[in-house]
Amino acid sequence: LEAGVVLAALATDAGLAASRGEARRLAQGGGLRVNDAAEADANRTITSADLVDGVVKLAAGKKKIVLVKPV
C-alpha cells in the first residue's frame, strides 16, 4: 500500500463495482466514498495515509460497505 492503489481498481477488487468503468461512473456520480468522504476522482491513489485504525472504509451507495485491510 506504500506505492498506492488506484481507487477504481481497489473498488473493483473489493467487489463494489463489476469493472473499473463502473467504478469511475460511480465516483463521478458521487456514489463512491472513501472513509465516509465522497470521492469524485476514481483515479485517486489510495495510500497508507488513508488508513484509519489500520483499514480503509470504501462504500458504494448506501448499502455496499467494505473495510479493506492491507496485508
Protein backbone atom coordinates (compact mmCIF):
# COMPACT_ATOMS: atom_id res chain seq x y z
CA LEU A 1 0.00 0.00 0.00
CA GLU A 2 3.04 2.26 0.25
CA ALA A 3 3.15 2.56 -3.55
CA GLY A 4 -0.59 3.14 -3.64
CA VAL A 5 -3.56 1.59 -5.40
CA VAL A 6 -5.89 3.34 -7.83
CA LEU A 7 -9.34 3.79 -6.27
CA ALA A 8 -11.19 2.32 -9.27
CA ALA A 9 -9.07 -0.83 -9.14
CA LEU A 10 -9.50 -1.16 -5.38
CA ALA A 11 -13.28 -0.76 -5.62
CA THR A 12 -13.39 -3.41 -8.34
CA ASP A 13 -11.19 -5.84 -6.39
CA ALA A 14 -13.29 -5.27 -3.26
CA GLY A 15 -16.45 -6.20 -5.15
CA LEU A 16 -18.09 -2.78 -5.04
CA ALA A 17 -18.11 -2.48 -8.84
CA ALA A 18 -18.08 -5.04 -11.63
CA SER A 19 -15.49 -3.13 -13.66
CA ARG A 20 -13.19 -0.15 -13.45
CA GLY A 21 -15.50 1.73 -15.80
CA GLU A 22 -18.42 1.15 -13.47
CA ALA A 23 -16.28 2.32 -10.54
CA ARG A 24 -15.39 5.50 -12.45
CA ARG A 25 -19.06 6.21 -13.23
CA LEU A 26 -19.97 5.55 -9.61
CA ALA A 27 -17.32 8.02 -8.42
CA GLN A 28 -18.37 10.68 -10.92
CA GLY A 29 -21.95 10.36 -9.72
CA GLY A 30 -20.87 10.86 -6.12
CA GLY A 31 -21.72 7.33 -5.02
CA LEU A 32 -18.21 6.18 -4.13
CA ARG A 33 -16.90 7.13 -0.69
CA VAL A 34 -13.54 6.66 1.00
CA ASN A 35 -13.63 6.84 4.80
CA ASP A 36 -17.12 8.41 4.61
CA ALA A 37 -15.98 11.22 2.29
CA ALA A 38 -17.39 11.32 -1.25
CA GLU A 39 -14.67 10.85 -3.85
CA ALA A 40 -15.24 12.11 -7.39
CA ASP A 41 -11.81 11.14 -8.75
CA ALA A 42 -11.69 7.40 -9.47
CA ASN A 43 -8.02 7.72 -10.47
CA ARG A 44 -7.05 8.89 -6.99
CA THR A 45 -4.35 6.80 -5.38
CA ILE A 46 -5.16 5.20 -2.05
CA THR A 47 -2.06 5.06 0.14
CA SER A 48 -1.18 4.17 3.71
CA ALA A 49 -2.02 7.78 4.62
CA ASP A 50 -5.70 6.89 4.04
CA LEU A 51 -5.67 4.17 6.69
CA VAL A 52 -7.85 4.76 9.74
CA ASP A 53 -7.25 2.23 12.52
CA GLY A 54 -5.46 0.01 10.00
CA VAL A 55 -8.28 -0.13 7.43
CA VAL A 56 -9.75 1.90 4.58
CA LYS A 57 -13.54 2.11 4.51
CA LEU A 58 -14.96 2.00 0.98
CA ALA A 59 -18.65 2.46 0.27
CA ALA A 60 -20.71 2.34 -2.90
CA GLY A 61 -24.16 3.78 -2.39
CA LYS A 62 -25.85 3.28 0.95
CA LYS A 63 -25.69 -0.47 1.35
CA LYS A 64 -22.38 -1.70 -0.06
CA ILE A 65 -19.69 -1.06 2.53
CA VAL A 66 -16.29 -2.77 2.64
CA LEU A 67 -13.37 -2.43 5.03
CA VAL A 68 -10.08 -3.01 3.21
CA LYS A 69 -7.16 -4.10 5.35
CA PRO A 70 -3.70 -4.22 3.76
CA VAL A 71 -1.64 -7.34 4.34
